[in-house]
Amino acid sequence: MDKISILIVDDHPLFRQGLRNVLAGEADFEVVGEGGNGQEGLELTRKLKPKVILLDINLPEMNGLQVVRQIQTERAPASVIMLTAYHDLEQELHAFRAGSHAYCPKDVTPRHLVQVIHWVAQGHYVVNDRVYDLEGLQAWLEAGVEKAGRPYLNDMREAFSPLSPREMEILQCVTRGMSNKEIAYSLGISHQTVKNHMTAILQKLDVEDRTQAAVYALKHGWVRLEESAANSDAKPSAAK
């Protein structure tokens, strides 16, 4: 029987080693690679073509949602299991809208993680202890949107959709305290384009202002505090 090839992407070496130790006990698993940031994980996905990816959501350079969305765009034949310390309904909705096949908190038991890997390798979707096919997942997503208080949306695809790469880039700038004018200068786009993106960001995240959007991103691990701090002094003076 062919082994299930697995790629591990997490920026903590000790956590990666722990995952590798767990998976080493399974005869039908083969860890084919490890990545320490989002960009590296994406490159390894293209190179190694793993069957399953264990992907942390809070990664340097590209967060997990950006990575899984790009994997979906490139139609890579990999099932992604999102591993996260941020366990709430909205985060689950974001993860599955991005293209994840499973969503597990980082305190998942080794036994359950092994079972989840087998399920997603067979093409199933796993939400907590529930296993769905694609139709079942869509029904769960619709119910989740209503439960989260968004029944007024005409098209659920607009709800809980992870932000586009450009929107995520702008949100990262916002968490650094940059104004729209500074963001426009930094990214080489117009001030109006930034405003349009900000409007879309607020709508997608269902928040009232840019401060709430920044807090949301930090709370869910989409932006790392150390990255924001490291870039807070890098505002372009010409834009002031």
Protein backbone atom coordinates (compact mmCIF):
# COMPACT_ATOMS: atom_id res chain seq x y z
CA MET A 1 0.00 0.00 0.00
CA ASP A 2 1.26 3.47 -0.89
CA LYS A 3 2.28 5.61 2.04
CA ILE A 4 0.58 8.91 2.81
CA SER A 5 3.17 11.62 2.16
CA ILE A 6 3.01 14.44 4.71
CA LEU A 7 4.51 17.93 4.81
CA ILE A 8 4.79 19.75 8.14
CA VAL A 9 4.77 23.57 8.14
CA ASP A 10 5.26 25.29 11.50
CA ASP A 11 7.75 27.89 12.66
CA HIS A 12 8.50 26.13 15.98
CA PRO A 13 11.16 23.39 15.54
CA LEU A 14 10.16 21.67 18.76
CA PHE A 15 6.53 21.41 17.69
CA ARG A 16 7.58 20.08 14.26
CA GLN A 17 9.72 17.45 15.97
CA GLY A 18 6.80 16.46 18.16
CA LEU A 19 4.61 15.99 15.10
CA ARG A 20 7.31 14.00 13.36
CA ASN A 21 7.65 11.71 16.41
CA VAL A 22 3.91 11.08 16.43
CA LEU A 23 3.77 10.32 12.71
CA ALA A 24 6.85 8.09 12.80
CA GLY A 25 4.83 5.46 14.62
CA GLU A 26 2.46 5.00 11.68
CA ALA A 27 3.64 2.52 9.07
CA ASP A 28 1.59 4.12 6.28
CA PHE A 29 2.83 7.68 6.92
CA GLU A 30 5.92 9.29 5.42
CA VAL A 31 7.03 12.81 6.39
CA VAL A 32 8.57 14.12 3.19
CA GLY A 33 9.54 17.59 4.37
CA GLU A 34 9.31 20.41 6.90
CA GLY A 35 8.90 24.15 6.47
CA GLY A 36 9.37 26.96 8.95
CA ASN A 37 7.37 29.74 7.28
CA GLY A 38 4.50 30.20 4.86
CA GLN A 39 6.55 30.91 1.76
CA GLU A 40 8.79 27.90 2.39
CA GLY A 41 5.72 25.73 2.93
CA LEU A 42 4.28 26.84 -0.40
CA GLU A 43 7.55 26.15 -2.23
CA LEU A 44 7.85 22.70 -0.63
CA THR A 45 4.26 21.93 -1.61
CA ARG A 46 5.10 22.65 -5.24
CA LYS A 47 8.30 20.61 -5.09
CA LEU A 48 7.26 17.59 -3.01
CA LYS A 49 3.54 17.34 -3.91
CA PRO A 50 2.53 15.86 -0.55
CA LYS A 51 -0.77 14.10 -0.02
CA VAL A 52 -1.41 15.88 3.30
CA ILE A 53 -0.08 19.16 4.74
CA LEU A 54 -0.07 19.93 8.46
CA LEU A 55 -0.17 23.72 8.37
CA ASP A 56 0.06 26.21 11.21
CA ILE A 57 -2.12 29.27 10.76
CA ASN A 58 0.29 31.70 12.46
CA LEU A 59 3.37 31.72 10.23
CA PRO A 60 6.02 34.28 9.23
CA GLU A 61 5.96 35.80 5.73
CA MET A 62 2.63 34.22 4.69
CA ASN A 63 0.06 33.06 7.20
CA GLY A 64 -1.64 29.69 6.91
CA LEU A 65 -4.81 31.06 5.32
CA GLN A 66 -2.78 32.72 2.56
CA VAL A 67 -0.85 29.51 1.96
CA VAL A 68 -3.90 27.26 1.71
CA ARG A 69 -5.66 29.75 -0.54
CA GLN A 70 -2.66 29.81 -2.89
CA ILE A 71 -2.54 26.01 -2.84
CA GLN A 72 -6.17 25.97 -3.94
CA THR A 73 -5.48 28.53 -6.67
CA GLU A 74 -2.66 26.35 -8.03
CA ARG A 75 -4.85 23.24 -7.75
CA ALA A 76 -2.18 21.35 -5.84
CA PRO A 77 -3.41 17.82 -5.01
CA ALA A 78 -2.90 18.20 -1.26
CA SER A 79 -5.33 18.00 1.64
CA VAL A 80 -4.57 20.66 4.24
CA ILE A 81 -5.06 20.16 7.97
CA MET A 82 -4.97 23.54 9.67
CA LEU A 83 -3.35 23.47 13.11
CA THR A 84 -4.06 26.45 15.31
CA ALA A 85 -4.12 27.76 18.84
CA TYR A 86 -6.99 30.07 17.85
CA HIS A 87 -10.00 27.80 18.18
CA ASP A 88 -13.32 29.50 17.54
CA LEU A 89 -16.19 29.23 15.07
CA GLU A 90 -15.22 32.21 12.94
CA GLN A 91 -11.66 30.93 12.57
CA GLU A 92 -13.02 27.54 11.51
CA LEU A 93 -15.21 29.20 8.90
CA HIS A 94 -12.26 31.16 7.55
CA ALA A 95 -10.12 28.02 7.38
CA PHE A 96 -12.65 25.97 5.43
CA ARG A 97 -13.59 28.86 3.14
CA ALA A 98 -9.89 29.12 2.29
CA GLY A 99 -9.77 25.46 1.27
CA SER A 100 -8.74 23.47 4.33
CA HIS A 101 -9.86 19.86 4.67
CA ALA A 102 -9.60 19.80 8.46
CA TYR A 103 -9.17 22.17 11.36
CA CYS A 104 -7.54 21.01 14.59
CA PRO A 105 -6.47 22.84 17.74
CA LYS A 106 -2.82 22.35 18.60
CA ASP A 107 -3.74 20.42 21.72
CA VAL A 108 -5.30 17.67 19.59
CA THR A 109 -4.42 14.20 20.83
CA PRO A 110 -1.91 12.24 18.73
CA ARG A 111 -4.45 9.46 18.22
CA HIS A 112 -7.08 11.84 16.88
CA LEU A 113 -4.61 13.62 14.60
CA VAL A 114 -3.59 10.30 13.07
CA GLN A 115 -7.26 9.52 12.40
CA VAL A 116 -7.83 12.96 10.87
CA ILE A 117 -4.89 12.45 8.51
CA HIS A 118 -6.39 9.17 7.33
CA TRP A 119 -9.78 10.80 6.81
CA VAL A 120 -8.52 13.75 4.75
CA ALA A 121 -6.22 11.49 2.73
CA GLN A 122 -9.40 9.68 1.69
CA GLY A 123 -10.94 12.96 0.52
CA HIS A 124 -13.10 13.73 3.55
CA TYR A 125 -13.47 16.96 5.52
CA VAL A 126 -13.16 16.97 9.29
CA VAL A 127 -14.67 19.51 11.67
CA ASN A 128 -13.79 18.57 15.24
CA ASP A 129 -14.97 14.93 15.47
CA ARG A 130 -17.35 15.12 12.54
CA VAL A 131 -16.49 13.77 9.12
CA TYR A 132 -18.15 15.24 6.03
CA ASP A 133 -18.16 14.91 2.27
CA LEU A 134 -18.16 18.14 0.24
CA GLU A 135 -21.93 18.47 0.34
CA GLY A 136 -21.96 17.98 4.09
CA LEU A 137 -19.23 20.57 4.54
CA GLN A 138 -21.21 23.13 2.55
CA ALA A 139 -24.23 22.52 4.77
CA TRP A 140 -22.06 22.98 7.86
CA LEU A 141 -20.65 26.23 6.46
CA GLU A 142 -24.13 27.61 5.82
CA ALA A 143 -25.24 26.69 9.33
CA GLY A 144 -22.04 28.19 10.74
CA VAL A 145 -22.61 31.51 9.00
CA GLU A 146 -26.09 31.77 10.47
CA LYS A 147 -24.87 30.75 13.92
CA ALA A 148 -22.20 33.43 13.77
CA GLY A 149 -24.89 36.04 13.17
CA ARG A 150 -24.69 36.65 9.42
CA PRO A 151 -28.16 35.50 8.20
CA TYR A 152 -28.66 38.72 6.23
CA LEU A 153 -25.97 37.89 3.67
CA ASN A 154 -27.27 37.13 0.22
CA ASP A 155 -24.24 35.12 -0.78
CA MET A 156 -22.37 33.20 1.88
CA ARG A 157 -19.27 33.12 -0.30
CA GLU A 158 -18.76 36.75 0.66
CA ALA A 159 -18.85 35.86 4.35
CA PHE A 160 -15.87 34.59 6.26
CA SER A 161 -13.76 34.55 3.12
CA PRO A 162 -10.08 34.96 3.93
CA LEU A 163 -8.79 38.23 2.62
CA SER A 164 -7.08 38.45 -0.74
CA PRO A 165 -3.26 38.68 -0.74
CA ARG A 166 -3.45 42.44 -1.31
CA GLU A 167 -6.05 42.90 1.43
CA MET A 168 -3.91 40.88 3.84
CA GLU A 169 -0.91 43.01 2.91
CA ILE A 170 -2.86 46.18 3.63
CA LEU A 171 -4.13 44.76 6.92
CA GLN A 172 -0.56 44.01 7.95
CA CYS A 173 0.30 47.65 7.27
CA VAL A 174 -2.66 48.75 9.38
CA THR A 175 -1.38 46.74 12.34
CA ARG A 176 1.88 48.67 12.04
CA GLY A 177 -0.01 51.91 12.54
CA MET A 178 0.33 53.12 8.95
CA SER A 179 -2.19 55.56 7.50
CA ASN A 180 -3.91 55.00 4.17
CA LYS A 181 -1.57 57.51 2.56
CA GLU A 182 1.49 55.73 3.95
CA ILE A 183 0.14 52.36 2.83
CA ALA A 184 -0.48 53.68 -0.69
CA TYR A 185 3.08 55.00 -0.92
CA SER A 186 4.59 51.81 0.53
CA LEU A 187 2.71 49.48 -1.83
CA GLY A 188 2.87 51.70 -4.89
CA ILE A 189 -0.89 52.00 -5.30
CA SER A 190 -3.32 54.92 -5.20
CA HIS A 191 -4.86 56.31 -2.04
CA GLN A 192 -8.32 55.50 -3.42
CA THR A 193 -7.32 51.90 -4.05
CA VAL A 194 -6.27 51.57 -0.42
CA LYS A 195 -9.60 53.04 0.70
CA ASN A 196 -11.48 50.58 -1.52
CA HIS A 197 -9.53 47.66 -0.08
CA MET A 198 -10.13 48.89 3.47
CA THR A 199 -13.87 49.02 2.81
CA ALA A 200 -13.76 45.42 1.59
CA ILE A 201 -11.69 44.34 4.60
CA LEU A 202 -14.13 45.89 7.09
CA GLN A 203 -17.06 44.28 5.31
CA LYS A 204 -15.49 40.82 5.16
CA LEU A 205 -14.45 40.87 8.81
CA ASP A 206 -17.70 42.54 9.92
CA VAL A 207 -15.90 45.19 11.93
CA GLU A 208 -16.52 48.92 12.16
CA ASP A 209 -13.09 50.44 11.79
CA ARG A 210 -9.44 49.77 11.01
CA THR A 211 -8.52 49.38 14.68
CA GLN A 212 -11.02 46.57 15.10
CA ALA A 213 -9.70 44.99 11.89
CA ALA A 214 -6.15 45.08 13.25
CA VAL A 215 -7.22 43.56 16.56
CA TYR A 216 -9.11 40.83 14.69
CA ALA A 217 -6.04 39.95 12.63
CA LEU A 218 -3.78 39.82 15.67
CA LYS A 219 -6.28 37.81 17.71
CA HIS A 220 -6.61 35.16 15.01
CA GLY A 221 -2.90 34.91 14.31
CA TRP A 222 -3.06 36.36 10.79
CA VAL A 223 -0.46 38.94 11.69
CA ARG A 224 2.40 38.35 14.11
CA LEU A 225 3.12 40.93 16.79
CA GLU A 226 6.87 40.69 16.30
CA GLU A 227 6.49 41.40 12.57
CA SER A 228 4.34 44.44 13.24
CA ALA A 229 6.80 45.73 15.81
CA ALA A 230 9.79 45.13 13.56
CA ASN A 231 8.19 47.15 10.77
CA SER A 232 6.62 49.89 12.85
CA ASP A 233 9.61 52.16 12.32
CA ALA A 234 9.72 51.54 8.60
CA LYS A 235 7.02 54.02 7.59
CA PRO A 236 7.95 55.92 4.42
CA SER A 237 8.69 59.51 5.42
CA ALA A 238 7.86 60.74 1.93
CA ALA A 239 4.24 59.75 2.49
CA LYS A 240 3.76 61.88 5.56
